[in-house]
Protein backbone atom coordinates (compact mmCIF):
# COMPACT_ATOMS: atom_id res chain seq x y z
CA MET A 1 0.00 0.00 0.00
CA ALA A 2 2.88 2.36 0.78
CA ALA A 3 4.26 1.76 -2.71
CA LEU A 4 0.93 2.81 -4.22
CA PHE A 5 0.93 6.04 -2.20
CA SER A 6 4.53 6.72 -3.26
CA LEU A 7 3.60 6.22 -6.90
CA LEU A 8 0.57 8.50 -6.58
CA ALA A 9 2.68 11.17 -4.87
CA MET A 10 5.25 10.96 -7.67
CA ILE A 11 2.55 11.32 -10.32
CA MET A 12 0.99 14.29 -8.53
CA SER A 13 4.36 16.01 -8.17
CA LEU A 14 5.02 15.53 -11.87
CA ALA A 15 1.67 17.06 -12.75
CA PHE A 16 2.89 20.36 -11.34
CA SER A 17 6.55 20.14 -12.31
CA PRO A 18 8.63 21.70 -15.08
CA VAL A 19 8.39 18.30 -16.83
CA ALA A 20 4.60 18.58 -17.03
CA GLU A 21 4.97 22.13 -18.31
CA ALA A 22 7.41 20.96 -21.02
CA GLN A 23 5.10 18.10 -21.99
CA ALA A 24 2.25 20.55 -22.48
CA LYS A 25 4.28 22.33 -25.18
CA PHE A 26 4.41 19.39 -27.60
CA ARG A 27 2.53 20.15 -30.82
CA LYS A 28 -0.43 17.82 -31.28
CA ASP A 29 -1.49 16.26 -34.57
CA LYS A 30 -2.78 13.01 -36.08
CA LEU A 31 -1.21 10.45 -38.38
CA THR A 32 -2.54 7.35 -40.08
CA LEU A 33 -1.01 3.88 -39.93
CA LYS A 34 -1.97 1.99 -43.08
CA THR A 35 -1.76 -1.75 -42.36
CA ALA A 36 -3.26 -4.98 -43.67
CA SER A 37 -5.95 -4.64 -40.99
CA GLY A 38 -6.95 -1.17 -42.21
CA GLU A 39 -6.18 2.48 -41.58
CA HIS A 40 -5.66 3.50 -37.96
CA VAL A 41 -5.67 7.15 -36.88
CA ILE A 42 -3.26 7.91 -34.06
CA GLU A 43 -3.34 11.09 -31.96
CA ILE A 44 0.28 12.17 -31.67
CA GLU A 45 2.49 14.65 -29.93
CA ILE A 46 5.46 15.75 -32.02
CA ALA A 47 8.92 16.03 -30.47
CA GLU A 48 10.30 18.79 -32.70
CA THR A 49 13.07 20.42 -30.67
CA GLU A 50 16.16 18.74 -29.21
CA GLU A 51 14.76 19.42 -25.73
CA GLN A 52 11.48 17.71 -26.64
CA LYS A 53 13.30 14.78 -28.23
CA SER A 54 15.37 14.37 -25.06
CA LEU A 55 12.23 14.39 -22.89
CA GLY A 56 10.01 12.26 -25.15
CA LEU A 57 7.60 10.11 -23.16
CA MET A 58 9.73 10.11 -19.99
CA TYR A 59 7.96 10.15 -16.62
CA ARG A 60 4.57 9.17 -18.02
CA PRO A 61 3.00 6.17 -16.28
CA THR A 62 1.04 5.07 -19.37
CA VAL A 63 0.53 5.77 -23.07
CA PRO A 64 -3.17 5.36 -23.90
CA PRO A 65 -4.31 3.31 -26.93
CA ASN A 66 -4.34 5.16 -30.26
CA THR A 67 -1.90 7.79 -28.98
CA GLY A 68 1.83 8.21 -29.31
CA MET A 69 4.76 10.48 -30.00
CA LEU A 70 6.48 11.15 -33.31
CA PHE A 71 10.19 12.03 -33.36
CA PRO A 72 10.94 13.49 -36.82
CA TYR A 73 14.50 14.12 -38.05
CA GLY A 74 15.41 16.26 -41.04
CA ARG A 75 17.49 13.72 -42.91
CA PRO A 76 17.82 9.93 -43.06
CA GLN A 77 20.16 8.63 -40.38
CA GLU A 78 20.59 5.68 -38.08
CA LEU A 79 18.67 6.61 -34.93
CA THR A 80 19.14 5.33 -31.42
CA MET A 81 16.71 5.57 -28.52
CA TRP A 82 16.62 4.40 -24.92
CA MET A 83 14.14 4.12 -22.08
CA ARG A 84 15.88 6.13 -19.34
CA ASN A 85 13.22 7.60 -17.03
CA THR A 86 10.47 6.11 -19.20
CA TYR A 87 7.99 4.25 -16.98
CA ALA A 88 5.73 2.81 -19.66
CA SER A 89 6.87 0.02 -21.98
CA LEU A 90 6.73 1.18 -25.60
CA ASP A 91 6.65 -0.07 -29.18
CA MET A 92 9.12 1.93 -31.29
CA ILE A 93 8.33 2.11 -35.00
CA PHE A 94 11.29 3.26 -37.12
CA ILE A 95 10.10 5.01 -40.31
CA ARG A 96 11.87 5.77 -43.60
CA ALA A 97 11.66 9.13 -45.43
CA ASP A 98 8.91 7.80 -47.72
CA GLY A 99 6.72 6.87 -44.74
CA SER A 100 7.34 3.12 -44.91
CA VAL A 101 7.97 1.21 -41.70
CA HIS A 102 11.55 -0.05 -41.56
CA ARG A 103 11.33 -2.06 -38.34
CA ILE A 104 9.59 -2.24 -34.97
CA GLU A 105 11.07 -2.70 -31.51
CA PHE A 106 8.27 -4.32 -29.52
CA SER A 107 7.63 -3.90 -25.78
CA THR A 108 10.75 -2.04 -24.72
CA GLU A 109 11.98 -2.42 -21.16
CA PRO A 110 10.98 0.51 -18.94
CA LEU A 111 13.79 2.48 -17.27
CA SER A 112 16.46 0.68 -19.30
CA GLU A 113 19.56 2.38 -20.70
CA LYS A 114 19.92 -0.31 -23.38
CA VAL A 115 20.42 1.39 -26.74
CA ILE A 116 17.69 0.61 -29.29
CA SER A 117 18.82 1.23 -32.87
CA SER A 118 16.88 1.75 -36.07
CA GLY A 119 19.40 -0.56 -37.78
CA ALA A 120 19.34 1.56 -40.96
CA PRO A 121 18.83 5.19 -42.00
CA VAL A 122 15.34 6.42 -41.08
CA THR A 123 13.80 9.87 -40.65
CA ALA A 124 11.44 9.30 -37.74
CA VAL A 125 10.43 7.13 -34.81
CA LEU A 126 6.84 6.67 -33.68
CA GLU A 127 6.45 5.56 -30.08
CA LEU A 128 3.23 3.84 -29.03
CA GLY A 129 2.27 2.03 -25.85
CA ALA A 130 3.58 -1.54 -25.71
CA GLY A 131 1.32 -3.95 -27.58
CA GLU A 132 -0.23 -1.28 -29.82
CA ALA A 133 1.84 -2.18 -32.90
CA LYS A 134 0.69 -5.81 -32.68
CA ARG A 135 -2.91 -4.83 -31.90
CA LEU A 136 -2.99 -2.60 -34.98
CA GLY A 137 -1.17 -5.17 -37.12
CA VAL A 138 1.80 -2.91 -37.93
CA LYS A 139 4.58 -4.67 -39.86
CA ALA A 140 7.72 -3.68 -41.74
CA GLY A 141 6.73 -2.21 -45.09
CA ASP A 142 3.44 -0.73 -43.83
CA ARG A 143 2.80 2.99 -44.45
CA VAL A 144 2.69 5.96 -42.12
CA LEU A 145 0.72 8.85 -43.58
CA HIS A 146 1.70 12.27 -42.25
CA SER A 147 3.10 15.49 -43.70
CA THR A 148 6.51 14.59 -42.20
CA PHE A 149 6.97 11.94 -44.88
CA LYS A 150 7.34 12.17 -48.65
CA SER A 151 4.23 10.01 -48.93
CA GLY A 152 2.29 13.15 -48.01
CA ALA A 153 -0.35 14.23 -45.54
CA ARG A 154 -2.94 12.05 -43.85
């Protein structure tokens, strides 16, 4: 029971912290995942600045279904991510410049400093709650429709 109260206290303190203020500044948008099971609209926050990319989804206890964060980069490059200070397990979808899914890292380990690599040049990473990529049927080669990618807007 004490652990539950500690967790609740931590969440409440974060709600009024500089972290919560920074999280409120993420631009919000939507993107579409086009998979064999259909088109799935995802409500996203966009990590545009280096500060936002460094913060990402850290300190959040959960990532609700059909929501996530997009980390766009200006040019194709091998990207690396980690889970430092990230409480929720995530699915990381690495996306090429044309909006095609390169690969997916499923169910990352919370709070880990293990480096997770795209394995090839990509221009973005989409982070969803763990299990979402499988639930939506996302596979390598599927399409992500958003103005970030050469494939165009939603």
